[in-house]
Amino acid sequence: MITYSDIDDIIDNLTQALSITFFRADQPFTKPSRVYAVYKLMNTQAVSMHQNHTSSVEKDADNATLKVRENSKTIVSIDFIGEGVADMEIMRTKAGEALNWFRFNRVAGRTIRLLSPNVQDRNAFIDPRWEYKIGFDIRVDVTEIHSQDIEAIKEVTMTPTVDDVVQDEISVSLP
């Protein structure tokens, strides 16, 4: 499952590339006086539980390995926020740079999909003032592979009971 820690790693890379401060929208922070950005996980498991796991067994001469692939998907909302109309151009520029960063950069072990090909105007009137926001949403897909070795069965021993009488032990060894 994708955690905030996984998303924080992606945002740290984006922060360095854009030279803008990002905050988690669901955590308290001191609002800066300049343009800044916030991000928030919108959901943490977009794939239903019966669809997000597949398993397989790989065998060699002596052992087998059980491999379980877990697919996780998370939608992340990214917004650039300013103080007024004068900040709109900076916000649009930074949001466009972020959108392009996601288009052209790969993050190891994760697939990032843009849910909207364009930056969206997310301004809102929150009485008594406007909140100036521009943003977009991404989906982060991760496939994790968990593996466990299973030892081969070398010998089977059985003690049969017939009519409540214990019989001689039977042992079968495999070559």
N, C-alpha and C. Protein backbone atom coordinates (compact mmCIF):
# COMPACT_ATOMS: atom_id res chain seq x y z
N MET A 1 0.84 -1.18 0.00
CA MET A 1 0.00 0.00 0.00
C MET A 1 0.89 1.24 0.00
N ILE A 2 0.45 2.25 -0.69
CA ILE A 2 1.21 3.49 -0.79
C ILE A 2 0.94 4.34 0.46
N THR A 3 2.01 4.86 1.04
CA THR A 3 1.89 5.67 2.25
C THR A 3 2.29 7.12 1.95
N TYR A 4 2.06 7.98 2.92
CA TYR A 4 2.50 9.37 2.76
C TYR A 4 4.01 9.42 2.60
N SER A 5 4.73 8.51 3.23
CA SER A 5 6.19 8.47 3.11
C SER A 5 6.61 8.28 1.65
N ASP A 6 5.91 7.40 0.93
CA ASP A 6 6.20 7.19 -0.50
C ASP A 6 5.96 8.47 -1.30
N ILE A 7 4.85 9.14 -1.01
CA ILE A 7 4.51 10.37 -1.72
C ILE A 7 5.48 11.49 -1.33
N ASP A 8 5.87 11.53 -0.05
CA ASP A 8 6.83 12.54 0.40
C ASP A 8 8.12 12.47 -0.40
N ASP A 9 8.59 11.26 -0.72
CA ASP A 9 9.81 11.09 -1.51
C ASP A 9 9.65 11.73 -2.89
N ILE A 10 8.50 11.51 -3.51
CA ILE A 10 8.24 12.10 -4.83
C ILE A 10 8.20 13.62 -4.73
N ILE A 11 7.50 14.12 -3.73
CA ILE A 11 7.37 15.58 -3.55
C ILE A 11 8.71 16.21 -3.23
N ASP A 12 9.58 15.52 -2.48
CA ASP A 12 10.92 16.06 -2.20
C ASP A 12 11.69 16.28 -3.50
N ASN A 13 11.61 15.33 -4.43
CA ASN A 13 12.26 15.49 -5.73
C ASN A 13 11.68 16.66 -6.51
N LEU A 14 10.35 16.79 -6.46
CA LEU A 14 9.67 17.89 -7.15
C LEU A 14 10.04 19.23 -6.53
N THR A 15 10.15 19.29 -5.21
CA THR A 15 10.54 20.52 -4.50
C THR A 15 11.90 21.00 -4.97
N GLN A 16 12.84 20.08 -5.07
CA GLN A 16 14.19 20.45 -5.52
C GLN A 16 14.17 20.95 -6.96
N ALA A 17 13.39 20.32 -7.80
CA ALA A 17 13.34 20.70 -9.21
C ALA A 17 12.70 22.07 -9.42
N LEU A 18 11.68 22.40 -8.63
CA LEU A 18 10.92 23.64 -8.85
C LEU A 18 11.34 24.80 -7.96
N SER A 19 12.10 24.51 -6.92
CA SER A 19 12.48 25.55 -5.94
C SER A 19 11.25 26.25 -5.37
N ILE A 20 10.30 25.46 -4.93
CA ILE A 20 9.09 25.98 -4.28
C ILE A 20 8.79 25.10 -3.08
N THR A 21 8.22 25.70 -2.05
CA THR A 21 7.93 24.96 -0.83
C THR A 21 6.60 24.23 -0.94
N PHE A 22 6.62 22.93 -0.61
CA PHE A 22 5.41 22.10 -0.58
C PHE A 22 5.06 21.79 0.87
N PHE A 23 3.76 21.77 1.15
CA PHE A 23 3.25 21.39 2.47
C PHE A 23 2.19 20.32 2.29
N ARG A 24 2.06 19.45 3.29
CA ARG A 24 0.95 18.50 3.27
C ARG A 24 -0.30 19.25 3.67
N ALA A 25 -1.33 19.16 2.85
CA ALA A 25 -2.55 19.93 3.07
C ALA A 25 -3.29 19.51 4.34
N ASP A 26 -3.09 18.28 4.79
CA ASP A 26 -3.80 17.81 5.97
C ASP A 26 -3.00 17.96 7.26
N GLN A 27 -1.89 18.71 7.21
CA GLN A 27 -1.07 18.96 8.38
C GLN A 27 -0.99 20.47 8.62
N PRO A 28 -0.92 20.88 9.88
CA PRO A 28 -0.79 22.32 10.14
C PRO A 28 0.57 22.84 9.65
N PHE A 29 0.57 24.02 9.09
CA PHE A 29 1.82 24.66 8.66
C PHE A 29 1.63 26.17 8.72
N THR A 30 2.76 26.88 8.83
CA THR A 30 2.72 28.33 8.83
C THR A 30 2.68 28.79 7.38
N LYS A 31 1.63 29.50 7.05
CA LYS A 31 1.41 29.93 5.67
C LYS A 31 2.46 30.97 5.27
N PRO A 32 3.24 30.67 4.21
CA PRO A 32 4.24 31.65 3.77
C PRO A 32 3.60 32.83 3.05
N SER A 33 4.35 33.91 2.91
CA SER A 33 3.81 35.11 2.27
C SER A 33 3.94 35.05 0.75
N ARG A 34 4.67 34.09 0.23
CA ARG A 34 4.84 33.96 -1.21
C ARG A 34 4.04 32.77 -1.74
N VAL A 35 4.13 32.51 -3.03
CA VAL A 35 3.45 31.37 -3.63
C VAL A 35 4.05 30.09 -3.05
N TYR A 36 3.18 29.14 -2.72
CA TYR A 36 3.61 27.86 -2.18
C TYR A 36 2.70 26.77 -2.75
N ALA A 37 3.01 25.52 -2.42
CA ALA A 37 2.22 24.41 -2.95
C ALA A 37 1.82 23.48 -1.81
N VAL A 38 0.67 22.81 -2.00
CA VAL A 38 0.21 21.80 -1.05
C VAL A 38 -0.13 20.53 -1.82
N TYR A 39 -0.07 19.41 -1.12
CA TYR A 39 -0.46 18.14 -1.73
C TYR A 39 -1.22 17.32 -0.70
N LYS A 40 -2.09 16.46 -1.22
CA LYS A 40 -2.93 15.65 -0.35
C LYS A 40 -3.27 14.34 -1.04
N LEU A 41 -3.21 13.25 -0.29
CA LEU A 41 -3.67 11.96 -0.81
C LEU A 41 -5.18 11.98 -0.79
N MET A 42 -5.78 11.71 -1.94
CA MET A 42 -7.24 11.74 -2.04
C MET A 42 -7.86 10.39 -1.70
N ASN A 43 -7.16 9.31 -2.02
CA ASN A 43 -7.58 7.97 -1.61
C ASN A 43 -6.34 7.11 -1.57
N THR A 44 -6.40 6.00 -0.85
CA THR A 44 -5.20 5.20 -0.68
C THR A 44 -5.29 3.78 -1.22
N GLN A 45 -6.40 3.41 -1.80
CA GLN A 45 -6.50 2.07 -2.39
C GLN A 45 -7.60 2.07 -3.44
N ALA A 46 -7.25 2.49 -4.64
CA ALA A 46 -8.25 2.59 -5.70
C ALA A 46 -8.61 1.25 -6.32
N VAL A 47 -7.84 0.23 -6.02
CA VAL A 47 -8.11 -1.10 -6.57
C VAL A 47 -8.82 -1.92 -5.50
N SER A 48 -9.90 -2.59 -5.87
CA SER A 48 -10.62 -3.38 -4.88
C SER A 48 -9.73 -4.53 -4.39
N MET A 49 -9.95 -4.97 -3.17
CA MET A 49 -9.06 -5.94 -2.53
C MET A 49 -8.94 -7.24 -3.30
N HIS A 50 -10.01 -7.71 -3.94
CA HIS A 50 -9.91 -8.98 -4.65
C HIS A 50 -9.17 -8.86 -5.97
N GLN A 51 -8.88 -7.64 -6.42
CA GLN A 51 -8.18 -7.45 -7.68
C GLN A 51 -6.73 -7.02 -7.51
N ASN A 52 -6.31 -6.65 -6.31
CA ASN A 52 -4.98 -6.05 -6.19
C ASN A 52 -3.88 -7.05 -5.85
N HIS A 53 -4.17 -8.34 -5.78
CA HIS A 53 -3.15 -9.34 -5.50
C HIS A 53 -3.17 -10.42 -6.57
N THR A 54 -1.99 -10.80 -7.02
CA THR A 54 -1.85 -11.99 -7.85
C THR A 54 -0.70 -12.79 -7.27
N SER A 55 -0.79 -14.09 -7.37
CA SER A 55 0.29 -14.90 -6.83
C SER A 55 0.72 -15.94 -7.85
N SER A 56 1.97 -16.35 -7.71
CA SER A 56 2.51 -17.39 -8.59
C SER A 56 3.56 -18.16 -7.81
N VAL A 57 3.86 -19.36 -8.28
CA VAL A 57 4.88 -20.18 -7.65
C VAL A 57 5.93 -20.49 -8.70
N GLU A 58 7.18 -20.20 -8.36
CA GLU A 58 8.29 -20.52 -9.24
C GLU A 58 9.07 -21.66 -8.60
N LYS A 59 9.35 -22.71 -9.37
CA LYS A 59 10.00 -23.91 -8.84
C LYS A 59 11.39 -24.06 -9.43
N ASP A 60 12.29 -24.56 -8.59
CA ASP A 60 13.57 -25.04 -9.11
C ASP A 60 13.73 -26.47 -8.62
N ALA A 61 14.92 -27.03 -8.73
CA ALA A 61 15.11 -28.45 -8.43
C ALA A 61 14.76 -28.81 -6.98
N ASP A 62 15.09 -27.97 -6.03
CA ASP A 62 14.91 -28.32 -4.62
C ASP A 62 13.81 -27.56 -3.90
N ASN A 63 13.54 -26.35 -4.33
CA ASN A 63 12.62 -25.50 -3.59
C ASN A 63 11.63 -24.82 -4.53
N ALA A 64 10.71 -24.11 -3.91
CA ALA A 64 9.76 -23.29 -4.66
C ALA A 64 9.69 -21.93 -3.99
N THR A 65 9.34 -20.92 -4.75
CA THR A 65 9.19 -19.57 -4.22
C THR A 65 7.79 -19.08 -4.54
N LEU A 66 7.07 -18.69 -3.50
CA LEU A 66 5.75 -18.10 -3.67
C LEU A 66 5.95 -16.60 -3.83
N LYS A 67 5.42 -16.05 -4.92
CA LYS A 67 5.52 -14.61 -5.16
C LYS A 67 4.13 -14.02 -5.21
N VAL A 68 3.91 -12.99 -4.42
CA VAL A 68 2.63 -12.29 -4.39
C VAL A 68 2.88 -10.86 -4.86
N ARG A 69 2.17 -10.46 -5.90
CA ARG A 69 2.28 -9.11 -6.42
C ARG A 69 1.09 -8.30 -5.91
N GLU A 70 1.40 -7.19 -5.26
CA GLU A 70 0.36 -6.32 -4.71
C GLU A 70 0.36 -5.01 -5.49
N ASN A 71 -0.78 -4.68 -6.08
CA ASN A 71 -0.92 -3.44 -6.85
C ASN A 71 -1.64 -2.41 -5.99
N SER A 72 -1.00 -1.24 -5.83
CA SER A 72 -1.61 -0.15 -5.08
C SER A 72 -1.71 1.08 -5.97
N LYS A 73 -2.79 1.83 -5.81
CA LYS A 73 -3.00 3.05 -6.58
C LYS A 73 -3.48 4.14 -5.63
N THR A 74 -2.91 5.32 -5.78
CA THR A 74 -3.28 6.45 -4.94
C THR A 74 -3.39 7.70 -5.79
N ILE A 75 -4.43 8.47 -5.56
CA ILE A 75 -4.59 9.75 -6.24
C ILE A 75 -4.08 10.86 -5.32
N VAL A 76 -3.25 11.73 -5.89
CA VAL A 76 -2.66 12.84 -5.14
C VAL A 76 -3.08 14.14 -5.82
N SER A 77 -3.60 15.06 -5.03
CA SER A 77 -3.98 16.37 -5.54
C SER A 77 -2.85 17.35 -5.20
N ILE A 78 -2.41 18.12 -6.19
CA ILE A 78 -1.34 19.10 -6.00
C ILE A 78 -1.88 20.46 -6.38
N ASP A 79 -1.77 21.43 -5.46
CA ASP A 79 -2.27 22.79 -5.69
C ASP A 79 -1.18 23.81 -5.40
N PHE A 80 -1.14 24.85 -6.21
CA PHE A 80 -0.25 25.99 -6.01
C PHE A 80 -1.12 27.15 -5.55
N ILE A 81 -0.74 27.77 -4.45
CA ILE A 81 -1.59 28.76 -3.80
C ILE A 81 -0.86 30.10 -3.71
N GLY A 82 -1.59 31.18 -3.99
CA GLY A 82 -1.04 32.52 -3.90
C GLY A 82 -1.98 33.44 -3.13
N GLU A 83 -1.54 34.66 -2.95
CA GLU A 83 -2.30 35.63 -2.16
C GLU A 83 -3.30 36.44 -2.96
N GLY A 84 -3.12 36.52 -4.26
CA GLY A 84 -4.03 37.34 -5.03
C GLY A 84 -3.84 37.13 -6.52
N VAL A 85 -4.54 37.96 -7.28
CA VAL A 85 -4.50 37.86 -8.74
C VAL A 85 -3.07 38.08 -9.24
N ALA A 86 -2.31 38.90 -8.55
CA ALA A 86 -0.93 39.19 -8.97
C ALA A 86 -0.06 37.92 -8.95
N ASP A 87 -0.41 36.95 -8.13
CA ASP A 87 0.37 35.71 -8.04
C ASP A 87 -0.04 34.66 -9.08
N MET A 88 -1.11 34.89 -9.81
CA MET A 88 -1.64 33.88 -10.73
C MET A 88 -0.62 33.43 -11.78
N GLU A 89 0.15 34.37 -12.32
CA GLU A 89 1.12 34.01 -13.36
C GLU A 89 2.22 33.11 -12.80
N ILE A 90 2.70 33.42 -11.61
CA ILE A 90 3.73 32.58 -10.96
C ILE A 90 3.14 31.20 -10.66
N MET A 91 1.90 31.17 -10.18
CA MET A 91 1.24 29.91 -9.86
C MET A 91 1.09 29.05 -11.13
N ARG A 92 0.64 29.67 -12.22
CA ARG A 92 0.48 28.94 -13.48
C ARG A 92 1.83 28.39 -13.97
N THR A 93 2.85 29.22 -13.88
CA THR A 93 4.18 28.80 -14.33
C THR A 93 4.68 27.62 -13.51
N LYS A 94 4.59 27.71 -12.19
CA LYS A 94 5.08 26.63 -11.32
C LYS A 94 4.24 25.36 -11.51
N ALA A 95 2.94 25.51 -11.65
CA ALA A 95 2.09 24.33 -11.88
C ALA A 95 2.42 23.68 -13.22
N GLY A 96 2.66 24.48 -14.24
CA GLY A 96 3.06 23.95 -15.55
C GLY A 96 4.40 23.23 -15.48
N GLU A 97 5.35 23.80 -14.73
CA GLU A 97 6.65 23.15 -14.55
C GLU A 97 6.49 21.81 -13.82
N ALA A 98 5.62 21.79 -12.83
CA ALA A 98 5.38 20.54 -12.08
C ALA A 98 4.74 19.49 -12.99
N LEU A 99 3.77 19.91 -13.77
CA LEU A 99 3.10 18.99 -14.71
C LEU A 99 4.13 18.39 -15.67
N ASN A 100 5.00 19.23 -16.20
CA ASN A 100 6.04 18.75 -17.11
C ASN A 100 7.05 17.86 -16.39
N TRP A 101 7.35 18.16 -15.14
CA TRP A 101 8.27 17.31 -14.37
C TRP A 101 7.71 15.90 -14.28
N PHE A 102 6.41 15.79 -14.01
CA PHE A 102 5.79 14.46 -13.94
C PHE A 102 5.75 13.79 -15.32
N ARG A 103 5.62 14.56 -16.37
CA ARG A 103 5.60 13.97 -17.72
C ARG A 103 6.95 13.37 -18.10
N PHE A 104 8.03 14.03 -17.71
CA PHE A 104 9.35 13.67 -18.23
C PHE A 104 10.29 13.03 -17.21
N ASN A 105 9.88 12.87 -15.98
CA ASN A 105 10.74 12.24 -14.97
C ASN A 105 10.11 10.96 -14.49
N ARG A 106 10.93 10.00 -14.22
CA ARG A 106 10.48 8.71 -13.70
C ARG A 106 10.92 8.60 -12.25
N VAL A 107 10.10 7.98 -11.46
CA VAL A 107 10.41 7.74 -10.06
C VAL A 107 10.55 6.23 -9.90
N ALA A 108 11.68 5.79 -9.40
CA ALA A 108 11.97 4.36 -9.31
C ALA A 108 10.87 3.60 -8.57
N GLY A 109 10.41 2.53 -9.19
CA GLY A 109 9.42 1.66 -8.56
C GLY A 109 7.99 2.16 -8.59
N ARG A 110 7.77 3.31 -9.20
CA ARG A 110 6.44 3.89 -9.22
C ARG A 110 6.10 4.37 -10.63
N THR A 111 4.84 4.22 -10.99
CA THR A 111 4.35 4.76 -12.25
C THR A 111 3.44 5.93 -11.92
N ILE A 112 3.73 7.08 -12.50
CA ILE A 112 2.93 8.27 -12.22
C ILE A 112 2.14 8.62 -13.47
N ARG A 113 0.83 8.72 -13.28
CA ARG A 113 -0.07 9.03 -14.40
C ARG A 113 -0.75 10.37 -14.12
N LEU A 114 -0.78 11.21 -15.13
CA LEU A 114 -1.48 12.49 -15.01
C LEU A 114 -2.95 12.24 -15.25
N LEU A 115 -3.79 12.64 -14.31
CA LEU A 115 -5.23 12.45 -14.48
C LEU A 115 -5.85 13.54 -15.32
N SER A 116 -5.15 14.65 -15.44
CA SER A 116 -5.59 15.73 -16.31
C SER A 116 -4.37 16.23 -17.07
N PRO A 117 -4.48 16.39 -18.37
CA PRO A 117 -3.31 16.85 -19.13
C PRO A 117 -3.03 18.34 -18.96
N ASN A 118 -3.93 19.05 -18.30
CA ASN A 118 -3.79 20.50 -18.15
C ASN A 118 -3.86 20.91 -16.69
N VAL A 119 -3.32 22.08 -16.41
CA VAL A 119 -3.44 22.68 -15.10
C VAL A 119 -4.86 23.23 -14.97
N GLN A 120 -5.47 23.06 -13.80
CA GLN A 120 -6.85 23.48 -13.58
C GLN A 120 -6.92 24.70 -12.67
N ASP A 121 -7.82 25.61 -12.98
CA ASP A 121 -8.10 26.77 -12.12
C ASP A 121 -8.97 26.27 -10.97
N ARG A 122 -8.48 26.36 -9.77
CA ARG A 122 -9.22 25.88 -8.60
C ARG A 122 -9.52 27.01 -7.62
N ASN A 123 -9.62 28.23 -8.14
CA ASN A 123 -9.96 29.37 -7.29
C ASN A 123 -11.32 29.14 -6.65
N ALA A 124 -11.46 29.63 -5.42
CA ALA A 124 -12.73 29.48 -4.72
C ALA A 124 -12.98 30.70 -3.85
N PHE A 125 -14.25 31.10 -3.79
CA PHE A 125 -14.62 32.19 -2.89
C PHE A 125 -14.99 31.60 -1.55
N ILE A 126 -14.16 31.88 -0.56
CA ILE A 126 -14.42 31.42 0.81
C ILE A 126 -14.64 32.69 1.62
N ASP A 127 -15.91 32.94 1.91
CA ASP A 127 -16.33 34.18 2.55
C ASP A 127 -15.41 34.55 3.70
N PRO A 128 -14.82 35.67 3.77
CA PRO A 128 -15.07 36.89 3.01
C PRO A 128 -14.05 37.16 1.91
N ARG A 129 -13.24 36.16 1.50
CA ARG A 129 -12.21 36.44 0.50
C ARG A 129 -12.07 35.28 -0.49
N TRP A 130 -11.28 35.52 -1.53
CA TRP A 130 -10.98 34.49 -2.52
C TRP A 130 -9.76 33.68 -2.08
N GLU A 131 -9.78 32.40 -2.42
CA GLU A 131 -8.60 31.56 -2.25
C GLU A 131 -8.11 31.27 -3.66
N TYR A 132 -6.88 31.68 -3.96
CA TYR A 132 -6.33 31.56 -5.30
C TYR A 132 -5.49 30.28 -5.39
N LYS A 133 -5.99 29.31 -6.18
CA LYS A 133 -5.33 28.02 -6.32
C LYS A 133 -5.35 27.57 -7.78
N ILE A 134 -4.26 26.94 -8.17
CA ILE A 134 -4.17 26.30 -9.47
C ILE A 134 -3.54 24.94 -9.23
N GLY A 135 -4.06 23.89 -9.86
CA GLY A 135 -3.49 22.59 -9.58
C GLY A 135 -3.88 21.52 -10.57
N PHE A 136 -3.52 20.29 -10.21
CA PHE A 136 -3.82 19.12 -11.01
C PHE A 136 -3.73 17.89 -10.11
N ASP A 137 -4.18 16.76 -10.63
CA ASP A 137 -4.15 15.51 -9.89
C ASP A 137 -3.30 14.49 -10.63
N ILE A 138 -2.63 13.65 -9.85
CA ILE A 138 -1.86 12.55 -10.42
C ILE A 138 -2.31 11.26 -9.75
N ARG A 139 -2.02 10.14 -10.40
CA ARG A 139 -2.25 8.84 -9.79
C ARG A 139 -0.90 8.13 -9.72
N VAL A 140 -0.57 7.63 -8.55
CA VAL A 140 0.69 6.91 -8.35
C VAL A 140 0.35 5.43 -8.25
N ASP A 141 0.94 4.63 -9.13
CA ASP A 141 0.74 3.19 -9.15
C ASP A 141 2.03 2.52 -8.68
N VAL A 142 1.88 1.55 -7.80
CA VAL A 142 3.04 0.80 -7.30
C VAL A 142 2.70 -0.68 -7.33
N THR A 143 3.64 -1.48 -7.82
CA THR A 143 3.51 -2.93 -7.74
C THR A 143 4.63 -3.43 -6.87
N GLU A 144 4.26 -4.01 -5.74
CA GLU A 144 5.25 -4.58 -4.83
C GLU A 144 5.21 -6.09 -4.95
N ILE A 145 6.38 -6.70 -4.93
CA ILE A 145 6.46 -8.15 -5.01
C ILE A 145 6.99 -8.68 -3.68
N HIS A 146 6.18 -9.50 -3.04
CA HIS A 146 6.58 -10.15 -1.79
C HIS A 146 6.86 -11.61 -2.12
N SER A 147 7.99 -12.12 -1.66
CA SER A 147 8.30 -13.51 -1.97
C SER A 147 8.65 -14.29 -0.70
N GLN A 148 8.36 -15.56 -0.75
CA GLN A 148 8.64 -16.45 0.37
C GLN A 148 9.08 -17.80 -0.19
N ASP A 149 10.22 -18.28 0.30
CA ASP A 149 10.72 -19.58 -0.14
C ASP A 149 9.94 -20.68 0.56
N ILE A 150 9.64 -21.72 -0.20
CA ILE A 150 8.94 -22.89 0.32
C ILE A 150 9.87 -24.08 0.11
N GLU A 151 10.21 -24.73 1.19
CA GLU A 151 11.12 -25.87 1.07
C GLU A 151 10.40 -27.05 0.42
N ALA A 152 11.16 -27.80 -0.36
CA ALA A 152 10.61 -28.98 -1.01
C ALA A 152 10.39 -30.09 0.02
N ILE A 153 9.38 -30.89 -0.20
CA ILE A 153 9.10 -32.03 0.68
C ILE A 153 10.03 -33.16 0.25
N LYS A 154 10.85 -33.62 1.19
CA LYS A 154 11.83 -34.67 0.90
C LYS A 154 11.31 -36.05 1.33
N GLU A 155 10.48 -36.05 2.38
CA GLU A 155 10.01 -37.34 2.89
C GLU A 155 8.63 -37.16 3.52
N VAL A 156 7.78 -38.16 3.34
CA VAL A 156 6.45 -38.18 3.94
C VAL A 156 6.36 -39.43 4.79
N THR A 157 5.95 -39.25 6.05
CA THR A 157 5.79 -40.39 6.96
C THR A 157 4.36 -40.41 7.44
N MET A 158 3.72 -41.61 7.38
CA MET A 158 2.33 -41.76 7.81
C MET A 158 2.23 -42.94 8.75
N THR A 159 1.34 -42.81 9.72
CA THR A 159 1.04 -43.92 10.62
C THR A 159 -0.45 -44.20 10.48
N PRO A 160 -0.81 -45.20 9.66
CA PRO A 160 -2.23 -45.48 9.44
C PRO A 160 -2.88 -46.18 10.63
N THR A 161 -4.18 -45.95 10.75
CA THR A 161 -4.98 -46.62 11.77
C THR A 161 -6.17 -47.26 11.05
N VAL A 162 -6.31 -48.57 11.25
CA VAL A 162 -7.41 -49.31 10.63
C VAL A 162 -8.21 -49.98 11.74
N ASP A 163 -9.49 -49.70 11.82
CA ASP A 163 -10.37 -50.25 12.87
C ASP A 163 -9.76 -50.05 14.25
N ASP A 164 -9.30 -48.85 14.51
CA ASP A 164 -8.70 -48.46 15.79
C ASP A 164 -7.42 -49.21 16.13
N VAL A 165 -6.81 -49.81 15.15
CA VAL A 165 -5.54 -50.51 15.37
C VAL A 165 -4.47 -49.75 14.58
N VAL A 166 -3.43 -49.30 15.30
CA VAL A 166 -2.33 -48.58 14.67
C VAL A 166 -1.49 -49.56 13.87
N GLN A 167 -1.27 -49.23 12.63
CA GLN A 167 -0.49 -50.08 11.72
C GLN A 167 0.96 -49.62 11.70
N ASP A 168 1.79 -50.34 10.97
CA ASP A 168 3.19 -49.97 10.83
C ASP A 168 3.31 -48.64 10.10
N GLU A 169 4.32 -47.89 10.50
CA GLU A 169 4.59 -46.60 9.90
C GLU A 169 5.02 -46.78 8.45
N ILE A 170 4.52 -45.93 7.58
CA ILE A 170 4.88 -45.95 6.16
C ILE A 170 5.68 -44.67 5.89
N SER A 171 6.81 -44.83 5.26
CA SER A 171 7.67 -43.69 4.95
C SER A 171 7.99 -43.71 3.47
N VAL A 172 7.83 -42.56 2.82
CA VAL A 172 8.13 -42.44 1.41
C VAL A 172 9.15 -41.30 1.27
N SER A 173 10.27 -41.61 0.67
CA SER A 173 11.31 -40.61 0.42
C SER A 173 11.34 -40.28 -1.06
N LEU A 174 11.57 -39.03 -1.32
CA LEU A 174 11.66 -38.59 -2.71
C LEU A 174 13.13 -38.51 -3.08
N PRO A 175 13.46 -38.80 -4.32
CA PRO A 175 14.88 -38.76 -4.73
C PRO A 175 15.43 -37.34 -4.71
